[in-house]
C-alpha atoms as a PDB file:
ATOM      1  CA  MET A   1      52.569 229.179  72.421  1.00  0.00           C
ATOM      2  CA  SER A   2      52.271 229.354  76.224  1.00  0.00           C
ATOM      3  CA  LEU A   3      49.392 230.609  78.323  1.00  0.00           C
ATOM      4  CA  PRO A   4      48.771 234.355  77.851  1.00  0.00           C
ATOM      5  CA  GLN A   5      50.638 236.403  80.455  1.00  0.00           C
ATOM      6  CA  PRO A   6      48.756 237.514  83.557  1.00  0.00           C
ATOM      7  CA  HIS A   7      47.817 241.175  83.165  1.00  0.00           C
ATOM      8  CA  VAL A   8      48.360 243.637  86.030  1.00  0.00           C
ATOM      9  CA  LEU A   9      47.145 247.260  85.934  1.00  0.00           C
ATOM     10  CA  VAL A  10      49.126 249.739  88.045  1.00  0.00           C
ATOM     11  CA  VAL A  11      47.209 252.926  88.913  1.00  0.00           C
ATOM     12  CA  GLU A  12      49.673 255.297  90.606  1.00  0.00           C
ATOM     13  CA  ASP A  13      50.110 259.069  90.149  1.00  0.00           C
ATOM     14  CA  GLU A  14      53.771 259.213  91.227  1.00  0.00           C
ATOM     15  CA  PRO A  15      55.855 258.422  88.107  1.00  0.00           C
ATOM     16  CA  ALA A  16      58.832 256.962  90.012  1.00  0.00           C
ATOM     17  CA  GLN A  17      56.622 254.662  92.094  1.00  0.00           C
ATOM     18  CA  ARG A  18      54.649 253.648  89.011  1.00  0.00           C
ATOM     19  CA  GLU A  19      57.767 252.676  87.088  1.00  0.00           C
ATOM     20  CA  VAL A  20      59.313 250.748  89.995  1.00  0.00           C
ATOM     21  CA  LEU A  21      56.099 248.754  90.340  1.00  0.00           C
ATOM     22  CA  ALA A  22      55.844 248.136  86.595  1.00  0.00           C
ATOM     23  CA  TYR A  23      59.495 247.077  86.364  1.00  0.00           C
ATOM     24  CA  ASN A  24      59.184 244.522  89.157  1.00  0.00           C
ATOM     25  CA  ILE A  25      55.872 243.140  87.910  1.00  0.00           C
ATOM     26  CA  GLU A  26      57.246 242.749  84.379  1.00  0.00           C
ATOM     27  CA  ALA A  27      60.306 241.000  85.850  1.00  0.00           C
ATOM     28  CA  GLU A  28      57.889 238.311  87.109  1.00  0.00           C
ATOM     29  CA  GLY A  29      56.840 237.685  83.498  1.00  0.00           C
ATOM     30  CA  PHE A  30      53.530 239.530  83.772  1.00  0.00           C
ATOM     31  CA  ARG A  31      52.074 242.068  81.356  1.00  0.00           C
ATOM     32  CA  VAL A  32      51.694 245.553  82.855  1.00  0.00           C
ATOM     33  CA  SER A  33      49.440 248.475  81.984  1.00  0.00           C
ATOM     34  CA  ARG A  34      50.003 251.868  83.606  1.00  0.00           C
ATOM     35  CA  ALA A  35      47.548 254.626  84.555  1.00  0.00           C
ATOM     36  CA  GLU A  36      48.549 257.900  86.189  1.00  0.00           C
ATOM     37  CA  ASN A  37      45.138 258.772  87.656  1.00  0.00           C
ATOM     38  CA  GLY A  38      41.846 257.206  88.623  1.00  0.00           C
ATOM     39  CA  GLU A  39      39.890 258.240  85.537  1.00  0.00           C
ATOM     40  CA  ASP A  40      42.506 256.743  83.225  1.00  0.00           C
ATOM     41  CA  GLY A  41      42.505 253.629  85.381  1.00  0.00           C
ATOM     42  CA  LEU A  42      38.750 253.128  84.995  1.00  0.00           C
ATOM     43  CA  MET A  43      38.980 253.658  81.244  1.00  0.00           C
ATOM     44  CA  MET A  44      41.804 251.116  80.913  1.00  0.00           C
ATOM     45  CA  VAL A  45      39.911 248.513  82.956  1.00  0.00           C
ATOM     46  CA  ASN A  46      37.010 248.773  80.525  1.00  0.00           C
ATOM     47  CA  GLU A  47      39.227 248.685  77.430  1.00  0.00           C
ATOM     48  CA  ASP A  48      41.562 245.876  78.526  1.00  0.00           C
ATOM     49  CA  PRO A  49      40.388 244.163  81.737  1.00  0.00           C
ATOM     50  CA  PRO A  50      43.348 243.163  83.930  1.00  0.00           C
ATOM     51  CA  ASP A  51      43.646 240.093  86.146  1.00  0.00           C
ATOM     52  CA  VAL A  52      44.786 242.194  89.136  1.00  0.00           C
ATOM     53  CA  ILE A  53      44.792 245.947  89.888  1.00  0.00           C
ATOM     54  CA  VAL A  54      47.422 247.670  92.077  1.00  0.00           C
ATOM     55  CA  LEU A  55      45.693 250.911  93.059  1.00  0.00           C
ATOM     56  CA  ASP A  56      47.002 253.945  94.941  1.00  0.00           C
ATOM     57  CA  TRP A  57      44.534 255.578  97.365  1.00  0.00           C
ATOM     58  CA  MET A  58      45.657 259.230  97.160  1.00  0.00           C
ATOM     59  CA  MET A  59      45.395 260.461  93.573  1.00  0.00           C
ATOM     60  CA  PRO A  60      44.218 263.613  91.812  1.00  0.00           C
ATOM     61  CA  ILE A  61      40.998 263.768  89.748  1.00  0.00           C
ATOM     62  CA  LEU A  62      39.579 260.544  91.199  1.00  0.00           C
ATOM     63  CA  SER A  63      40.774 258.870  94.396  1.00  0.00           C
ATOM     64  CA  GLY A  64      41.690 255.213  94.547  1.00  0.00           C
ATOM     65  CA  ILE A  65      38.928 254.562  97.064  1.00  0.00           C
ATOM     66  CA  GLU A  66      36.340 255.932  94.589  1.00  0.00           C
ATOM     67  CA  VAL A  67      37.847 253.905  91.733  1.00  0.00           C
ATOM     68  CA  CYS A  68      37.613 250.809  93.924  1.00  0.00           C
ATOM     69  CA  ARG A  69      33.991 251.565  94.829  1.00  0.00           C
ATOM     70  CA  ARG A  70      32.960 251.977  91.188  1.00  0.00           C
ATOM     71  CA  LEU A  71      34.719 248.802  90.071  1.00  0.00           C
ATOM     72  CA  LYS A  72      33.214 246.699  92.865  1.00  0.00           C
ATOM     73  CA  ILE A  73      29.603 247.768  92.205  1.00  0.00           C
ATOM     74  CA  SER A  74      29.839 246.867  88.512  1.00  0.00           C
ATOM     75  CA  PRO A  75      29.020 243.224  87.648  1.00  0.00           C
ATOM     76  CA  GLU A  76      31.618 243.310  84.839  1.00  0.00           C
ATOM     77  CA  THR A  77      34.535 244.305  87.100  1.00  0.00           C
ATOM     78  CA  ARG A  78      33.602 243.358  90.668  1.00  0.00           C
ATOM     79  CA  ASN A  79      35.613 240.125  90.598  1.00  0.00           C
ATOM     80  CA  ILE A  80      38.923 241.752  89.602  1.00  0.00           C
ATOM     81  CA  PRO A  81      41.183 241.664  92.696  1.00  0.00           C
ATOM     82  CA  ILE A  82      42.320 245.097  93.898  1.00  0.00           C
ATOM     83  CA  ILE A  83      45.415 245.678  96.026  1.00  0.00           C
ATOM     84  CA  MET A  84      45.129 249.123  97.616  1.00  0.00           C
ATOM     85  CA  LEU A  85      48.308 251.122  98.295  1.00  0.00           C
ATOM     86  CA  SER A  86      48.143 253.873 100.895  1.00  0.00           C
ATOM     87  CA  ALA A  87      50.252 255.991 103.231  1.00  0.00           C
ATOM     88  CA  LYS A  88      47.283 255.843 105.619  1.00  0.00           C
ATOM     89  CA  SER A  89      48.358 253.358 108.259  1.00  0.00           C
ATOM     90  CA  GLU A  90      45.552 253.789 110.785  1.00  0.00           C
ATOM     91  CA  GLU A  91      43.352 250.738 111.283  1.00  0.00           C
ATOM     92  CA  ILE A  92      40.215 252.762 110.488  1.00  0.00           C
ATOM     93  CA  ASP A  93      41.652 253.610 107.051  1.00  0.00           C
ATOM     94  CA  LYS A  94      42.523 249.991 106.341  1.00  0.00           C
ATOM     95  CA  VAL A  95      39.015 248.937 107.356  1.00  0.00           C
ATOM     96  CA  ARG A  96      37.523 251.604 105.087  1.00  0.00           C
ATOM     97  CA  GLY A  97      39.629 250.400 102.162  1.00  0.00           C
ATOM     98  CA  LEU A  98      38.655 246.771 102.680  1.00  0.00           C
ATOM     99  CA  GLU A  99      34.983 247.609 103.225  1.00  0.00           C
ATOM    100  CA  THR A 100      34.976 249.523  99.940  1.00  0.00           C
ATOM    101  CA  GLY A 101      35.929 246.246  98.278  1.00  0.00           C
ATOM    102  CA  ALA A 102      39.738 246.140  98.173  1.00  0.00           C
ATOM    103  CA  ASP A 103      41.005 242.570  98.359  1.00  0.00           C
ATOM    104  CA  ASP A 104      44.261 243.563 100.053  1.00  0.00           C
ATOM    105  CA  TYR A 105      45.720 246.708 101.648  1.00  0.00           C
ATOM    106  CA  VAL A 106      49.429 247.607 101.655  1.00  0.00           C
ATOM    107  CA  VAL A 107      50.795 250.524 103.668  1.00  0.00           C
ATOM    108  CA  LYS A 108      53.502 252.793 102.198  1.00  0.00           C
ATOM    109  CA  PRO A 109      56.452 252.579 102.375  1.00  0.00           C
ATOM    110  CA  TYR A 110      56.241 248.918 101.430  1.00  0.00           C
ATOM    111  CA  SER A 111      58.655 246.165 100.497  1.00  0.00           C
ATOM    112  CA  VAL A 112      58.499 245.455  96.753  1.00  0.00           C
ATOM    113  CA  SER A 113      59.071 241.747  97.406  1.00  0.00           C
ATOM    114  CA  GLU A 114      56.141 241.687  99.829  1.00  0.00           C
ATOM    115  CA  LEU A 115      53.906 243.475  97.344  1.00  0.00           C
ATOM    116  CA  MET A 116      54.871 241.019  94.609  1.00  0.00           C
ATOM    117  CA  ALA A 117      53.999 238.131  96.923  1.00  0.00           C
ATOM    118  CA  ARG A 118      50.566 239.703  97.387  1.00  0.00           C
ATOM    119  CA  VAL A 119      50.137 240.120  93.622  1.00  0.00           C
ATOM    120  CA  ARG A 120      50.961 236.426  93.146  1.00  0.00           C
ATOM    121  CA  THR A 121      48.474 235.513  95.886  1.00  0.00           C
ATOM    122  CA  GLN A 122      45.678 237.341  94.067  1.00  0.00           C
ATOM    123  CA  LEU A 123      46.704 235.764  90.752  1.00  0.00           C
ATOM    124  CA  ARG A 124      46.492 232.310  92.331  1.00  0.00           C
ATOM    125  CA  ARG A 125      42.858 233.114  93.065  1.00  0.00           C
ATOM    126  CA  VAL A 126      41.896 234.269  89.578  1.00  0.00           C
ATOM    127  CA  ARG A 127      44.391 232.545  87.247  1.00  0.00           C
ATOM    128  CA  PRO A 128      45.996 229.671  89.120  1.00  0.00           C
ATOM    129  CA  SER A 129      47.376 227.972  86.010  1.00  0.00           C
ATOM    130  CA  THR A 130      49.620 230.953  85.251  1.00  0.00           C
ATOM    131  CA  VAL A 131      51.458 230.635  88.568  1.00  0.00           C
ATOM    132  CA  GLY A 132      52.157 226.918  88.267  1.00  0.00           C
ATOM    133  CA  GLN A 133      49.299 225.455  90.259  1.00  0.00           C
ATOM    134  CA  VAL A 134      47.815 222.038  89.526  1.00  0.00           C
ATOM    135  CA  LEU A 135      44.124 222.258  88.628  1.00  0.00           C
ATOM    136  CA  THR A 136      41.593 219.489  89.187  1.00  0.00           C
ATOM    137  CA  TYR A 137      38.010 218.992  88.079  1.00  0.00           C
ATOM    138  CA  ASP A 138      36.328 215.667  88.832  1.00  0.00           C
ATOM    139  CA  ASP A 139      38.794 213.082  87.429  1.00  0.00           C
ATOM    140  CA  ILE A 140      40.669 215.598  85.246  1.00  0.00           C
ATOM    141  CA  VAL A 141      44.055 216.897  86.468  1.00  0.00           C
ATOM    142  CA  LEU A 142      45.989 219.663  84.682  1.00  0.00           C
ATOM    143  CA  ASP A 143      49.589 220.464  85.632  1.00  0.00           C
ATOM    144  CA  SER A 144      50.498 223.836  84.105  1.00  0.00           C
ATOM    145  CA  GLU A 145      54.220 223.483  84.847  1.00  0.00           C
ATOM    146  CA  THR A 146      54.717 220.124  83.140  1.00  0.00           C
ATOM    147  CA  HIS A 147      51.891 220.723  80.597  1.00  0.00           C
ATOM    148  CA  ARG A 148      50.426 217.315  81.423  1.00  0.00           C
ATOM    149  CA  VAL A 149      46.749 216.475  81.576  1.00  0.00           C
ATOM    150  CA  THR A 150      45.336 213.223  82.911  1.00  0.00           C
ATOM    151  CA  ARG A 151      41.816 211.888  83.170  1.00  0.00           C
ATOM    152  CA  GLY A 152      41.561 209.024  85.575  1.00  0.00           C
ATOM    153  CA  ASP A 153      44.662 206.898  84.920  1.00  0.00           C
ATOM    154  CA  GLU A 154      45.071 208.017  81.323  1.00  0.00           C
ATOM    155  CA  GLN A 155      47.407 210.778  80.136  1.00  0.00           C
ATOM    156  CA  LEU A 156      45.746 212.940  77.494  1.00  0.00           C
ATOM    157  CA  LYS A 157      47.545 214.404  74.491  1.00  0.00           C
ATOM    158  CA  LEU A 158      46.316 217.950  73.977  1.00  0.00           C
ATOM    159  CA  GLY A 159      47.522 220.501  71.462  1.00  0.00           C
ATOM    160  CA  PRO A 160      48.705 223.845  72.893  1.00  0.00           C
ATOM    161  CA  THR A 161      45.438 225.648  72.104  1.00  0.00           C
ATOM    162  CA  GLU A 162      43.305 222.883  73.612  1.00  0.00           C
ATOM    163  CA  PHE A 163      45.559 222.935  76.691  1.00  0.00           C
ATOM    164  CA  ARG A 164      44.982 226.680  77.138  1.00  0.00           C
ATOM    165  CA  LEU A 165      41.243 226.237  76.607  1.00  0.00           C
ATOM    166  CA  LEU A 166      41.053 223.517  79.229  1.00  0.00           C
ATOM    167  CA  SER A 167      43.112 225.501  81.752  1.00  0.00           C
ATOM    168  CA  THR A 168      40.786 228.486  81.260  1.00  0.00           C
ATOM    169  CA  PHE A 169      37.720 226.315  81.849  1.00  0.00           C
ATOM    170  CA  MET A 170      39.285 224.606  84.878  1.00  0.00           C
ATOM    171  CA  GLU A 171      40.233 227.877  86.539  1.00  0.00           C
ATOM    172  CA  LYS A 172      36.553 228.781  86.854  1.00  0.00           C
ATOM    173  CA  PRO A 173      34.328 225.684  86.633  1.00  0.00           C
ATOM    174  CA  GLY A 174      30.715 226.601  85.966  1.00  0.00           C
ATOM    175  CA  ARG A 175      31.509 230.016  84.508  1.00  0.00           C
ATOM    176  CA  VAL A 176      30.084 230.602  81.044  1.00  0.00           C
ATOM    177  CA  TRP A 177      32.731 231.990  78.677  1.00  0.00           C
ATOM    178  CA  SER A 178      31.619 233.771  75.508  1.00  0.00           C
ATOM    179  CA  ARG A 179      33.566 233.096  72.315  1.00  0.00           C
ATOM    180  CA  ASP A 180      35.045 236.616  72.438  1.00  0.00           C
ATOM    181  CA  GLN A 181      36.186 236.117  76.035  1.00  0.00           C
ATOM    182  CA  LEU A 182      37.828 232.827  75.109  1.00  0.00           C
ATOM    183  CA  LEU A 183      39.562 234.479  72.152  1.00  0.00           C
ATOM    184  CA  ASP A 184      41.034 237.135  74.478  1.00  0.00           C
ATOM    185  CA  ARG A 185      42.093 234.651  77.164  1.00  0.00           C
ATOM    186  CA  VAL A 186      43.327 231.768  74.999  1.00  0.00           C
ATOM    187  CA  TRP A 187      44.613 233.422  71.817  1.00  0.00           C
ATOM    188  CA  GLY A 188      45.360 236.905  73.175  1.00  0.00           C
ATOM    189  CA  ARG A 189      43.966 240.333  72.340  1.00  0.00           C
ATOM    190  CA  ASP A 190      46.600 241.081  69.706  1.00  0.00           C
ATOM    191  CA  ILE A 191      45.778 238.097  67.488  1.00  0.00           C
ATOM    192  CA  TYR A 192      42.824 238.140  65.096  1.00  0.00           C
ATOM    193  CA  VAL A 193      41.007 234.820  64.991  1.00  0.00           C
ATOM    194  CA  ASP A 194      37.474 234.204  63.770  1.00  0.00           C
ATOM    195  CA  THR A 195      35.081 233.267  66.575  1.00  0.00           C
ATOM    196  CA  ARG A 196      34.196 230.053  64.731  1.00  0.00           C
ATOM    197  CA  THR A 197      37.746 228.918  65.425  1.00  0.00           C
ATOM    198  CA  VAL A 198      36.744 228.675  69.090  1.00  0.00           C
ATOM    199  CA  ASP A 199      34.065 226.116  68.178  1.00  0.00           C
ATOM    200  CA  VAL A 200      36.602 224.046  66.241  1.00  0.00           C
ATOM    201  CA  HIS A 201      39.051 223.880  69.146  1.00  0.00           C
ATOM    202  CA  VAL A 202      36.330 223.200  71.715  1.00  0.00           C
ATOM    203  CA  GLY A 203      35.300 220.286  69.501  1.00  0.00           C
ATOM    204  CA  ARG A 204      38.889 218.975  69.470  1.00  0.00           C
ATOM    205  CA  LEU A 205      39.116 219.350  73.243  1.00  0.00           C
ATOM    206  CA  ARG A 206      35.880 217.414  73.704  1.00  0.00           C
ATOM    207  CA  LYS A 207      37.128 214.638  71.441  1.00  0.00           C
ATOM    208  CA  VAL A 208      40.271 214.152  73.533  1.00  0.00           C
ATOM    209  CA  LEU A 209      38.434 214.372  76.876  1.00  0.00           C
ATOM    210  CA  THR A 210      35.899 211.734  75.831  1.00  0.00           C
ATOM    211  CA  GLY A 211      38.341 209.551  73.879  1.00  0.00           C
ATOM    212  CA  ASN A 212      38.480 206.877  76.569  1.00  0.00           C
ATOM    213  CA  GLY A 213      34.760 206.757  77.198  1.00  0.00           C
ATOM    214  CA  GLY A 214      34.423 209.547  79.751  1.00  0.00           C
ATOM    215  CA  GLU A 215      31.465 211.918  79.766  1.00  0.00           C
ATOM    216  CA  ASP A 216      31.826 215.280  78.042  1.00  0.00           C
ATOM    217  CA  PRO A 217      32.384 217.871  80.820  1.00  0.00           C
ATOM    218  CA  VAL A 218      32.147 220.884  78.476  1.00  0.00           C
ATOM    219  CA  ARG A 219      28.686 222.413  78.298  1.00  0.00           C
ATOM    220  CA  THR A 220      27.407 224.481  75.377  1.00  0.00           C
ATOM    221  CA  VAL A 221      25.221 227.369  76.515  1.00  0.00           C
ATOM    222  CA  ARG A 222      23.090 228.389  73.569  1.00  0.00           C
ATOM    223  CA  GLY A 223      23.608 232.018  72.619  1.00  0.00           C
ATOM    224  CA  ALA A 224      26.222 232.542  75.358  1.00  0.00           C
ATOM    225  CA  GLY A 225      29.239 230.264  74.943  1.00  0.00           C
ATOM    226  CA  TYR A 226      30.814 227.369  76.813  1.00  0.00           C
ATOM    227  CA  ALA A 227      31.331 226.262  80.398  1.00  0.00           C
ATOM    228  CA  LEU A 228      32.965 223.400  82.269  1.00  0.00           C
ATOM    229  CA  GLY A 229      30.284 221.546  84.170  1.00  0.00           C
END
């Protein structure tokens, strides 16, 4: 079982544009959710938080700029990267979009290949292991392409679940992950696993990481979950 697919939410009211975006994002191996207006987009973010949002500015019911504003003022969603799509090409509009919290701004008509490059750029920020980057933390190195992990000069033998756990921790050192969050990220939302299973696999990961005498880098946060460092 490989790392769960990166999840991209496309919020676009034009059906043809929405499907072209979804098709090209899925062709990259990513999971795509679709929303046809801003209200649906907000609801879907809360139900199934994406890794990246591609958000159209001009939409009925609720504009993209208002969706962006609401997401960026909420502690639960403010760190989700937003790529704003707009036919507004004036610099003042781009500035307004970025000041509202958008992480990137793409003017229509756009090149699909350019937009995909921007999606990958945002994914490298939030989930670097899913786009083949090598992660490092102190003397631990994780290569997501070759599925190799080393600590110091020693190569570590991790099971697939422990590998996904470690990559999740190493993507955001210091962040405290609850057991439910780890279940979603490591096992996937569609698989039912008891939360105590998380404790078992964290224990296995710790055993491998400390097998050659190294300190345990995984921290238990009582009542909250686990963190790296």
